[in-house]
């Protein structure tokens, strides 16, 4: 993995961890919170890869000055991930949001929802990419729980099966529309 791949992975994973931590606190979901905590090791590996690559690349003061933005980006992404872990640990310790705060978070323009794929869902058996085309709304599937296994940041070619739990990020309107389609409630 080169520095560009490591930095992109670090930025993507820290963003994903924030979304998962957000969902874990809104829905009081300790399984999601545990996934966030478990991802901390991957963040550390990616951060270390960036630091090692950049340290090897720096050979002069001007190289060091040009490298500062990469070091800062890695530092910011790591801090975001660590804050996501702290939020997740709050859920694991049993701390709960005040109902009014939870309500306020649910009213945000973009949010996260957790839905189970029901029998009769128009999405059952389709790929995530096909879901995007059929739904007519923009969203991201950020995690899937299939049986006892979590799939974090699934590929768009991943097929959606009945009884899987999807963690989806999107606008409130998109999430409401998707919930009906995923749960098979077309009436």
N, C-alpha and C. Protein backbone atom coordinates (compact mmCIF):
# COMPACT_ATOMS: atom_id res chain seq x y z
N UNK A 1 0.85 -1.18 0.00
CA UNK A 1 0.00 0.00 0.00
C UNK A 1 0.89 1.24 0.00
N UNK A 2 0.62 2.16 -0.93
CA UNK A 2 1.40 3.38 -0.96
C UNK A 2 0.75 4.44 -0.05
N UNK A 3 1.40 5.58 0.09
CA UNK A 3 0.93 6.62 1.02
C UNK A 3 -0.45 7.14 0.60
N UNK A 4 -0.68 7.28 -0.69
CA UNK A 4 -1.97 7.78 -1.17
C UNK A 4 -3.09 6.81 -0.80
N UNK A 5 -2.88 5.52 -1.01
CA UNK A 5 -3.89 4.51 -0.66
C UNK A 5 -4.11 4.47 0.85
N UNK A 6 -3.03 4.55 1.61
CA UNK A 6 -3.14 4.51 3.07
C UNK A 6 -3.90 5.73 3.59
N UNK A 7 -3.60 6.91 3.05
CA UNK A 7 -4.28 8.13 3.50
C UNK A 7 -5.75 8.09 3.11
N UNK A 8 -6.06 7.65 1.90
CA UNK A 8 -7.46 7.55 1.47
C UNK A 8 -8.20 6.55 2.36
N UNK A 9 -7.57 5.41 2.64
CA UNK A 9 -8.18 4.42 3.51
C UNK A 9 -8.44 4.98 4.90
N UNK A 10 -7.48 5.74 5.41
CA UNK A 10 -7.61 6.35 6.73
C UNK A 10 -8.76 7.35 6.77
N UNK A 11 -8.85 8.20 5.76
CA UNK A 11 -9.93 9.20 5.69
C UNK A 11 -11.30 8.52 5.53
N UNK A 12 -11.38 7.53 4.65
CA UNK A 12 -12.65 6.83 4.42
C UNK A 12 -13.10 6.07 5.67
N UNK A 13 -12.16 5.37 6.31
CA UNK A 13 -12.51 4.58 7.48
C UNK A 13 -12.91 5.46 8.66
N UNK A 14 -12.23 6.59 8.85
CA UNK A 14 -12.60 7.47 9.97
C UNK A 14 -14.00 8.05 9.75
N UNK A 15 -14.34 8.39 8.52
CA UNK A 15 -15.68 8.89 8.21
C UNK A 15 -16.73 7.80 8.45
N UNK A 16 -16.43 6.60 8.02
CA UNK A 16 -17.34 5.47 8.25
C UNK A 16 -17.54 5.22 9.74
N UNK A 17 -16.47 5.30 10.51
CA UNK A 17 -16.56 5.08 11.96
C UNK A 17 -17.45 6.12 12.62
N UNK A 18 -17.36 7.37 12.16
CA UNK A 18 -18.23 8.41 12.70
C UNK A 18 -19.70 8.10 12.42
N UNK A 19 -19.99 7.66 11.19
CA UNK A 19 -21.36 7.30 10.84
C UNK A 19 -21.87 6.13 11.69
N UNK A 20 -21.03 5.12 11.86
CA UNK A 20 -21.43 3.95 12.66
C UNK A 20 -21.62 4.33 14.13
N UNK A 21 -20.73 5.17 14.64
CA UNK A 21 -20.87 5.62 16.04
C UNK A 21 -22.15 6.43 16.21
N UNK A 22 -22.43 7.28 15.25
CA UNK A 22 -23.66 8.09 15.25
C UNK A 22 -24.88 7.17 15.29
N UNK A 23 -24.89 6.16 14.44
CA UNK A 23 -26.01 5.21 14.41
C UNK A 23 -26.10 4.44 15.72
N UNK A 24 -24.96 4.07 16.27
CA UNK A 24 -24.98 3.29 17.52
C UNK A 24 -25.57 4.08 18.67
N UNK A 25 -25.29 5.38 18.72
CA UNK A 25 -25.81 6.21 19.82
C UNK A 25 -27.28 6.55 19.59
N UNK A 26 -27.67 6.84 18.36
CA UNK A 26 -29.08 7.17 18.09
C UNK A 26 -29.98 5.97 18.37
N UNK A 27 -29.55 4.79 17.93
CA UNK A 27 -30.38 3.60 18.07
C UNK A 27 -30.01 2.75 19.28
N UNK A 28 -29.11 3.26 20.11
CA UNK A 28 -28.67 2.54 21.30
C UNK A 28 -28.29 1.11 20.93
N UNK A 29 -27.41 0.98 19.94
CA UNK A 29 -27.06 -0.30 19.37
C UNK A 29 -25.63 -0.67 19.77
N UNK A 30 -25.49 -1.56 20.73
CA UNK A 30 -24.17 -1.92 21.23
C UNK A 30 -23.38 -2.75 20.22
N UNK A 31 -24.07 -3.48 19.33
CA UNK A 31 -23.34 -4.24 18.31
C UNK A 31 -22.60 -3.31 17.36
N UNK A 32 -23.27 -2.25 16.93
CA UNK A 32 -22.60 -1.26 16.07
C UNK A 32 -21.46 -0.58 16.83
N UNK A 33 -21.70 -0.26 18.08
CA UNK A 33 -20.66 0.38 18.90
C UNK A 33 -19.43 -0.51 18.99
N UNK A 34 -19.64 -1.81 19.16
CA UNK A 34 -18.50 -2.73 19.23
C UNK A 34 -17.74 -2.76 17.91
N UNK A 35 -18.45 -2.69 16.80
CA UNK A 35 -17.79 -2.65 15.49
C UNK A 35 -16.88 -1.42 15.37
N UNK A 36 -17.35 -0.29 15.87
CA UNK A 36 -16.55 0.93 15.83
C UNK A 36 -15.27 0.74 16.64
N UNK A 37 -15.41 0.21 17.84
CA UNK A 37 -14.24 -0.02 18.69
C UNK A 37 -13.27 -1.00 18.02
N UNK A 38 -13.81 -2.04 17.39
CA UNK A 38 -12.97 -3.02 16.71
C UNK A 38 -12.20 -2.43 15.53
N UNK A 39 -12.76 -1.39 14.90
CA UNK A 39 -12.10 -0.75 13.75
C UNK A 39 -10.92 0.12 14.16
N UNK A 40 -10.78 0.38 15.45
CA UNK A 40 -9.68 1.23 15.91
C UNK A 40 -8.31 0.65 15.52
N UNK A 41 -8.18 -0.67 15.56
CA UNK A 41 -6.90 -1.29 15.18
C UNK A 41 -6.57 -1.02 13.72
N UNK A 42 -7.58 -1.04 12.86
CA UNK A 42 -7.36 -0.75 11.44
C UNK A 42 -6.94 0.70 11.23
N UNK A 43 -7.53 1.61 12.00
CA UNK A 43 -7.14 3.02 11.92
C UNK A 43 -5.67 3.17 12.30
N UNK A 44 -5.26 2.49 13.37
CA UNK A 44 -3.87 2.59 13.81
C UNK A 44 -2.91 2.06 12.74
N UNK A 45 -3.29 0.95 12.09
CA UNK A 45 -2.44 0.39 11.03
C UNK A 45 -2.32 1.36 9.86
N UNK A 46 -3.44 1.95 9.44
CA UNK A 46 -3.42 2.88 8.32
C UNK A 46 -2.62 4.14 8.67
N UNK A 47 -2.82 4.67 9.88
CA UNK A 47 -2.07 5.85 10.30
C UNK A 47 -0.57 5.55 10.32
N UNK A 48 -0.21 4.39 10.86
CA UNK A 48 1.20 4.01 10.89
C UNK A 48 1.78 3.86 9.49
N UNK A 49 0.99 3.32 8.56
CA UNK A 49 1.45 3.17 7.18
C UNK A 49 1.72 4.54 6.56
N UNK A 50 0.82 5.50 6.79
CA UNK A 50 1.04 6.86 6.28
C UNK A 50 2.31 7.45 6.88
N UNK A 51 2.46 7.33 8.19
CA UNK A 51 3.63 7.92 8.86
C UNK A 51 4.93 7.29 8.40
N UNK A 52 4.94 5.98 8.22
CA UNK A 52 6.15 5.29 7.77
C UNK A 52 6.51 5.74 6.35
N UNK A 53 5.53 5.72 5.45
CA UNK A 53 5.79 6.13 4.07
C UNK A 53 6.29 7.57 4.00
N UNK A 54 5.65 8.44 4.74
CA UNK A 54 6.04 9.85 4.70
C UNK A 54 7.41 10.07 5.35
N UNK A 55 7.71 9.32 6.40
CA UNK A 55 9.01 9.46 7.06
C UNK A 55 10.14 9.05 6.12
N UNK A 56 9.91 8.01 5.36
CA UNK A 56 10.92 7.54 4.41
C UNK A 56 11.08 8.54 3.27
N UNK A 57 10.00 9.22 2.89
CA UNK A 57 10.03 10.16 1.77
C UNK A 57 10.70 11.48 2.10
N UNK A 58 10.78 11.82 3.38
CA UNK A 58 11.35 13.12 3.79
C UNK A 58 12.87 13.01 3.85
N UNK A 59 13.52 13.80 2.99
CA UNK A 59 14.98 13.76 2.95
C UNK A 59 15.61 15.14 3.18
N UNK A 60 14.74 16.15 3.21
CA UNK A 60 15.26 17.50 3.40
C UNK A 60 14.20 18.35 4.10
N UNK A 61 14.60 19.55 4.49
CA UNK A 61 13.67 20.46 5.14
C UNK A 61 12.51 20.81 4.20
N UNK A 62 12.79 21.01 2.93
CA UNK A 62 11.71 21.35 1.99
C UNK A 62 10.75 20.16 1.80
N UNK A 63 11.29 18.92 1.81
CA UNK A 63 10.42 17.73 1.76
C UNK A 63 9.51 17.70 2.99
N UNK A 64 10.09 18.01 4.13
CA UNK A 64 9.33 18.00 5.38
C UNK A 64 8.21 19.03 5.34
N UNK A 65 8.50 20.22 4.84
CA UNK A 65 7.48 21.26 4.76
C UNK A 65 6.37 20.87 3.80
N UNK A 66 6.73 20.26 2.67
CA UNK A 66 5.71 19.82 1.70
C UNK A 66 4.89 18.65 2.25
N UNK A 67 5.43 17.90 3.18
CA UNK A 67 4.75 16.72 3.73
C UNK A 67 3.79 17.05 4.86
N UNK A 68 3.88 18.27 5.38
CA UNK A 68 3.05 18.64 6.53
C UNK A 68 1.56 18.41 6.29
N UNK A 69 1.06 18.72 5.10
CA UNK A 69 -0.38 18.55 4.84
C UNK A 69 -0.79 17.09 4.94
N UNK A 70 0.06 16.19 4.52
CA UNK A 70 -0.26 14.76 4.63
C UNK A 70 -0.28 14.35 6.09
N UNK A 71 0.73 14.77 6.85
CA UNK A 71 0.77 14.46 8.28
C UNK A 71 -0.46 15.03 9.00
N UNK A 72 -0.84 16.25 8.65
CA UNK A 72 -2.02 16.87 9.28
C UNK A 72 -3.30 16.13 8.93
N UNK A 73 -3.45 15.75 7.67
CA UNK A 73 -4.64 15.01 7.26
C UNK A 73 -4.72 13.67 8.00
N UNK A 74 -3.59 12.99 8.13
CA UNK A 74 -3.57 11.72 8.86
C UNK A 74 -3.92 11.93 10.33
N UNK A 75 -3.40 13.01 10.90
CA UNK A 75 -3.68 13.32 12.30
C UNK A 75 -5.16 13.63 12.51
N UNK A 76 -5.75 14.43 11.63
CA UNK A 76 -7.16 14.79 11.75
C UNK A 76 -8.05 13.56 11.59
N UNK A 77 -7.75 12.72 10.60
CA UNK A 77 -8.54 11.51 10.40
C UNK A 77 -8.44 10.58 11.61
N UNK A 78 -7.26 10.47 12.18
CA UNK A 78 -7.08 9.64 13.37
C UNK A 78 -7.86 10.19 14.55
N UNK A 79 -7.84 11.51 14.72
CA UNK A 79 -8.60 12.13 15.82
C UNK A 79 -10.10 11.89 15.65
N UNK A 80 -10.59 12.00 14.41
CA UNK A 80 -12.01 11.74 14.15
C UNK A 80 -12.36 10.30 14.53
N UNK A 81 -11.50 9.37 14.15
CA UNK A 81 -11.74 7.96 14.46
C UNK A 81 -11.74 7.72 15.97
N UNK A 82 -10.80 8.34 16.66
CA UNK A 82 -10.73 8.16 18.12
C UNK A 82 -11.96 8.75 18.81
N UNK A 83 -12.48 9.86 18.29
CA UNK A 83 -13.71 10.43 18.85
C UNK A 83 -14.90 9.51 18.58
N UNK A 84 -14.92 8.89 17.42
CA UNK A 84 -15.98 7.91 17.11
C UNK A 84 -15.91 6.75 18.10
N UNK A 85 -14.70 6.31 18.42
CA UNK A 85 -14.52 5.22 19.39
C UNK A 85 -15.04 5.66 20.76
N UNK A 86 -14.77 6.90 21.14
CA UNK A 86 -15.26 7.39 22.44
C UNK A 86 -16.78 7.41 22.49
N UNK A 87 -17.42 7.81 21.39
CA UNK A 87 -18.88 7.79 21.33
C UNK A 87 -19.38 6.34 21.46
N UNK A 88 -18.73 5.44 20.74
CA UNK A 88 -19.12 4.03 20.81
C UNK A 88 -18.94 3.47 22.23
N UNK A 89 -17.87 3.84 22.87
CA UNK A 89 -17.65 3.37 24.25
C UNK A 89 -18.72 3.91 25.20
N UNK A 90 -19.23 5.10 24.90
CA UNK A 90 -20.34 5.65 25.69
C UNK A 90 -21.55 4.71 25.60
N UNK A 91 -21.84 4.24 24.41
CA UNK A 91 -22.95 3.31 24.21
C UNK A 91 -22.67 1.99 24.95
N UNK A 92 -21.44 1.50 24.84
CA UNK A 92 -21.09 0.23 25.49
C UNK A 92 -21.13 0.33 27.02
N UNK A 93 -20.90 1.53 27.55
CA UNK A 93 -20.98 1.72 29.01
C UNK A 93 -22.42 1.91 29.48
N UNK A 94 -23.35 1.94 28.54
CA UNK A 94 -24.76 2.04 28.91
C UNK A 94 -25.25 3.47 29.08
N UNK A 95 -24.46 4.46 28.67
CA UNK A 95 -24.90 5.84 28.75
C UNK A 95 -25.88 6.10 27.61
N UNK A 96 -26.96 6.79 27.89
CA UNK A 96 -28.01 7.03 26.90
C UNK A 96 -28.18 8.52 26.61
N UNK A 97 -28.59 8.81 25.39
CA UNK A 97 -28.91 10.19 25.03
C UNK A 97 -30.24 10.59 25.65
N UNK A 98 -30.36 11.85 25.97
CA UNK A 98 -31.64 12.37 26.40
C UNK A 98 -32.59 12.26 25.20
N UNK A 99 -33.85 11.87 25.43
CA UNK A 99 -34.79 11.71 24.30
C UNK A 99 -34.89 12.93 23.40
N UNK A 100 -34.81 14.13 23.95
CA UNK A 100 -34.89 15.34 23.13
C UNK A 100 -33.65 15.49 22.23
N UNK A 101 -32.49 15.11 22.74
CA UNK A 101 -31.27 15.16 21.94
C UNK A 101 -31.35 14.13 20.81
N UNK A 102 -31.80 12.93 21.13
CA UNK A 102 -31.97 11.89 20.11
C UNK A 102 -32.93 12.38 19.03
N UNK A 103 -34.03 12.98 19.45
CA UNK A 103 -35.02 13.51 18.51
C UNK A 103 -34.39 14.58 17.61
N UNK A 104 -33.59 15.45 18.20
CA UNK A 104 -32.92 16.49 17.42
C UNK A 104 -31.95 15.91 16.41
N UNK A 105 -31.20 14.89 16.81
CA UNK A 105 -30.27 14.25 15.88
C UNK A 105 -31.00 13.57 14.73
N UNK A 106 -32.15 13.01 15.02
CA UNK A 106 -32.94 12.32 13.99
C UNK A 106 -33.51 13.33 12.99
N UNK A 107 -33.62 14.60 13.39
CA UNK A 107 -34.18 15.64 12.52
C UNK A 107 -33.13 16.29 11.63
N UNK A 108 -31.87 15.90 11.78
CA UNK A 108 -30.81 16.49 10.96
C UNK A 108 -31.09 16.24 9.48
N UNK A 109 -30.58 17.12 8.64
CA UNK A 109 -30.81 16.99 7.19
C UNK A 109 -30.32 15.63 6.68
N UNK A 110 -29.13 15.22 7.10
CA UNK A 110 -28.63 13.90 6.74
C UNK A 110 -28.54 13.08 8.01
N UNK A 111 -28.92 11.83 7.92
CA UNK A 111 -28.94 10.99 9.10
C UNK A 111 -28.56 9.56 8.72
N UNK A 112 -28.68 8.69 9.70
CA UNK A 112 -28.39 7.27 9.52
C UNK A 112 -29.61 6.51 10.02
N UNK A 113 -29.95 5.44 9.31
CA UNK A 113 -31.08 4.61 9.72
C UNK A 113 -30.64 3.15 9.71
N UNK A 114 -31.31 2.34 10.50
CA UNK A 114 -31.07 0.91 10.56
C UNK A 114 -32.36 0.21 10.20
N UNK A 115 -32.32 -0.61 9.13
CA UNK A 115 -33.54 -1.29 8.67
C UNK A 115 -33.24 -2.75 8.37
N UNK A 116 -34.25 -3.59 8.59
CA UNK A 116 -34.14 -5.02 8.29
C UNK A 116 -34.84 -5.29 6.96
N UNK A 117 -34.20 -6.07 6.10
CA UNK A 117 -34.78 -6.42 4.81
C UNK A 117 -35.86 -7.47 5.05
N UNK A 118 -37.10 -7.10 4.77
CA UNK A 118 -38.25 -7.97 5.03
C UNK A 118 -38.57 -8.81 3.81
N UNK A 119 -39.32 -9.88 4.06
CA UNK A 119 -39.87 -10.67 2.99
C UNK A 119 -40.81 -9.75 2.21
N UNK A 120 -40.67 -9.71 0.92
CA UNK A 120 -41.49 -8.82 0.11
C UNK A 120 -40.80 -7.52 -0.23
N UNK A 121 -39.59 -7.30 0.27
CA UNK A 121 -38.85 -6.09 -0.06
C UNK A 121 -38.49 -6.12 -1.54
N UNK A 122 -38.65 -4.98 -2.20
CA UNK A 122 -38.27 -4.90 -3.62
C UNK A 122 -36.76 -5.03 -3.80
N UNK A 123 -36.00 -4.89 -2.72
CA UNK A 123 -34.55 -4.96 -2.81
C UNK A 123 -33.98 -6.35 -2.58
N UNK A 124 -34.77 -7.27 -2.10
CA UNK A 124 -34.27 -8.60 -1.78
C UNK A 124 -33.64 -9.24 -3.02
N UNK A 125 -32.38 -9.65 -2.90
CA UNK A 125 -31.66 -10.29 -4.00
C UNK A 125 -30.95 -9.33 -4.94
N UNK A 126 -31.19 -8.03 -4.81
CA UNK A 126 -30.54 -7.05 -5.67
C UNK A 126 -29.20 -6.63 -5.08
N UNK A 127 -28.34 -6.07 -5.94
CA UNK A 127 -27.09 -5.51 -5.46
C UNK A 127 -27.36 -4.10 -4.90
N UNK A 128 -26.42 -3.59 -4.16
CA UNK A 128 -26.55 -2.22 -3.65
C UNK A 128 -26.63 -1.24 -4.82
N UNK A 129 -25.86 -1.49 -5.87
CA UNK A 129 -25.91 -0.62 -7.05
C UNK A 129 -27.31 -0.63 -7.67
N UNK A 130 -27.93 -1.80 -7.76
CA UNK A 130 -29.28 -1.89 -8.29
C UNK A 130 -30.29 -1.19 -7.38
N UNK A 131 -30.06 -1.28 -6.07
CA UNK A 131 -30.91 -0.56 -5.11
C UNK A 131 -30.88 0.94 -5.39
N UNK A 132 -29.68 1.44 -5.62
CA UNK A 132 -29.52 2.88 -5.90
C UNK A 132 -30.31 3.28 -7.14
N UNK A 133 -30.23 2.47 -8.18
CA UNK A 133 -30.93 2.80 -9.43
C UNK A 133 -32.44 2.72 -9.26
N UNK A 134 -32.93 1.69 -8.59
CA UNK A 134 -34.38 1.48 -8.45
C UNK A 134 -35.01 2.48 -7.49
N UNK A 135 -34.30 2.82 -6.42
CA UNK A 135 -34.89 3.67 -5.38
C UNK A 135 -35.18 5.09 -5.85
N UNK A 136 -34.35 5.60 -6.74
CA UNK A 136 -34.53 6.97 -7.19
C UNK A 136 -34.05 8.01 -6.20
N UNK A 137 -33.38 7.58 -5.13
CA UNK A 137 -32.83 8.50 -4.13
C UNK A 137 -31.36 8.17 -3.88
N UNK A 138 -30.64 9.15 -3.37
CA UNK A 138 -29.24 8.94 -3.05
C UNK A 138 -29.06 8.48 -1.61
N UNK A 139 -28.21 7.50 -1.40
CA UNK A 139 -27.93 6.98 -0.06
C UNK A 139 -26.65 6.17 -0.11
N UNK A 140 -26.12 5.83 1.05
CA UNK A 140 -24.97 4.95 1.17
C UNK A 140 -25.31 3.84 2.15
N UNK A 141 -25.06 2.60 1.76
CA UNK A 141 -25.14 1.49 2.70
C UNK A 141 -23.77 1.42 3.35
N UNK A 142 -23.70 1.76 4.64
CA UNK A 142 -22.39 1.83 5.30
C UNK A 142 -22.04 0.55 6.04
N UNK A 143 -23.05 -0.29 6.31
CA UNK A 143 -22.79 -1.57 6.96
C UNK A 143 -23.99 -2.49 6.74
N UNK A 144 -23.70 -3.79 6.78
CA UNK A 144 -24.74 -4.82 6.67
C UNK A 144 -24.47 -5.85 7.75
N UNK A 145 -25.52 -6.23 8.47
CA UNK A 145 -25.40 -7.33 9.40
C UNK A 145 -26.07 -8.53 8.76
N UNK A 146 -25.29 -9.54 8.47
CA UNK A 146 -25.78 -10.77 7.86
C UNK A 146 -25.55 -11.90 8.85
N UNK A 147 -26.63 -12.38 9.46
CA UNK A 147 -26.47 -13.36 10.54
C UNK A 147 -25.79 -12.71 11.72
N UNK A 148 -24.67 -13.27 12.15
CA UNK A 148 -23.89 -12.70 13.26
C UNK A 148 -22.71 -11.86 12.77
N UNK A 149 -22.57 -11.74 11.47
CA UNK A 149 -21.41 -11.08 10.88
C UNK A 149 -21.76 -9.69 10.37
N UNK A 150 -20.86 -8.73 10.65
CA UNK A 150 -21.01 -7.36 10.13
C UNK A 150 -20.11 -7.19 8.92
N UNK A 151 -20.65 -6.59 7.88
CA UNK A 151 -19.87 -6.23 6.70
C UNK A 151 -19.82 -4.70 6.69
N UNK A 152 -18.64 -4.18 6.89
CA UNK A 152 -18.46 -2.74 6.99
C UNK A 152 -18.07 -2.20 5.61
N UNK A 153 -18.74 -1.12 5.21
CA UNK A 153 -18.48 -0.47 3.93
C UNK A 153 -18.56 -1.47 2.76
N UNK A 154 -19.73 -2.10 2.58
CA UNK A 154 -19.85 -3.14 1.56
C UNK A 154 -19.69 -2.59 0.14
N UNK A 155 -19.22 -3.43 -0.73
CA UNK A 155 -19.06 -3.09 -2.14
C UNK A 155 -20.44 -2.98 -2.79
N UNK A 156 -20.57 -2.14 -3.81
CA UNK A 156 -21.86 -1.94 -4.46
C UNK A 156 -22.35 -3.18 -5.20
N UNK A 157 -21.47 -4.16 -5.42
CA UNK A 157 -21.89 -5.40 -6.08
C UNK A 157 -22.46 -6.41 -5.09
N UNK A 158 -22.45 -6.07 -3.81
CA UNK A 158 -22.96 -6.96 -2.75
C UNK A 158 -24.48 -7.09 -2.88
N UNK A 159 -24.97 -8.32 -2.88
CA UNK A 159 -26.41 -8.59 -2.96
C UNK A 159 -27.03 -8.49 -1.57
N UNK A 160 -28.24 -7.97 -1.52
CA UNK A 160 -28.98 -7.79 -0.27
C UNK A 160 -29.93 -8.96 -0.11
N UNK A 161 -29.91 -9.57 1.06
CA UNK A 161 -30.73 -10.74 1.31
C UNK A 161 -31.75 -10.47 2.43
N UNK A 162 -32.84 -11.24 2.41
CA UNK A 162 -33.88 -11.12 3.43
C UNK A 162 -33.28 -11.33 4.82
N UNK A 163 -33.79 -10.58 5.77
CA UNK A 163 -33.40 -10.61 7.19
C UNK A 163 -32.05 -9.97 7.48
N UNK A 164 -31.38 -9.45 6.46
CA UNK A 164 -30.16 -8.71 6.75
C UNK A 164 -30.55 -7.34 7.30
N UNK A 165 -29.67 -6.79 8.11
CA UNK A 165 -29.88 -5.47 8.68
C UNK A 165 -28.94 -4.50 7.96
N UNK A 166 -29.52 -3.42 7.43
CA UNK A 166 -28.73 -2.43 6.70
C UNK A 166 -28.59 -1.17 7.53
N UNK A 167 -27.39 -0.62 7.57
CA UNK A 167 -27.16 0.69 8.15
C UNK A 167 -26.95 1.62 6.97
N UNK A 168 -27.87 2.58 6.83
CA UNK A 168 -27.92 3.42 5.64
C UNK A 168 -27.79 4.89 6.04
N UNK A 169 -26.99 5.66 5.25
CA UNK A 169 -26.85 7.09 5.47
C UNK A 169 -27.47 7.82 4.28
N UNK A 170 -28.24 8.87 4.59
CA UNK A 170 -28.84 9.68 3.53
C UNK A 170 -29.66 10.80 4.13
N UNK A 171 -30.37 11.53 3.27
CA UNK A 171 -31.26 12.57 3.76
C UNK A 171 -32.45 11.93 4.45
N UNK A 172 -33.15 12.70 5.27
CA UNK A 172 -34.33 12.16 5.96
C UNK A 172 -35.35 11.63 4.97
N UNK A 173 -35.59 12.39 3.91
CA UNK A 173 -36.58 11.97 2.91
C UNK A 173 -36.16 10.67 2.24
N UNK A 174 -34.88 10.57 1.89
CA UNK A 174 -34.37 9.35 1.25
C UNK A 174 -34.51 8.16 2.19
N UNK A 175 -34.18 8.38 3.47
CA UNK A 175 -34.26 7.29 4.44
C UNK A 175 -35.69 6.82 4.65
N UNK A 176 -36.64 7.75 4.70
CA UNK A 176 -38.04 7.37 4.84
C UNK A 176 -38.51 6.55 3.65
N UNK A 177 -38.15 6.98 2.45
CA UNK A 177 -38.52 6.27 1.23
C UNK A 177 -37.88 4.87 1.21
N UNK A 178 -36.59 4.81 1.55
CA UNK A 178 -35.88 3.53 1.55
C UNK A 178 -36.44 2.57 2.58
N UNK A 179 -36.80 3.08 3.76
CA UNK A 179 -37.36 2.22 4.80
C UNK A 179 -38.58 1.47 4.26
N UNK A 180 -39.46 2.16 3.56
CA UNK A 180 -40.65 1.53 3.00
C UNK A 180 -40.28 0.45 1.98
N UNK A 181 -39.30 0.75 1.14
CA UNK A 181 -38.90 -0.21 0.12
C UNK A 181 -38.17 -1.42 0.73
N UNK A 182 -37.28 -1.16 1.67
CA UNK A 182 -36.50 -2.23 2.29
C UNK A 182 -37.40 -3.14 3.12
N UNK A 183 -38.31 -2.52 3.86
CA UNK A 183 -39.18 -3.32 4.74
C UNK A 183 -40.38 -3.90 4.00
N UNK A 184 -40.51 -3.59 2.72
CA UNK A 184 -41.61 -4.17 1.94
C UNK A 184 -42.95 -3.53 2.18
N UNK A 185 -42.96 -2.33 2.77
CA UNK A 185 -44.20 -1.62 3.08
C UNK A 185 -44.54 -0.67 1.95
N UNK A 186 -45.20 -1.17 0.93
CA UNK A 186 -45.49 -0.34 -0.25
C UNK A 186 -46.90 0.25 -0.19
N UNK A 187 -47.66 -0.08 0.82
CA UNK A 187 -49.05 0.40 0.93
C UNK A 187 -49.08 1.75 1.47
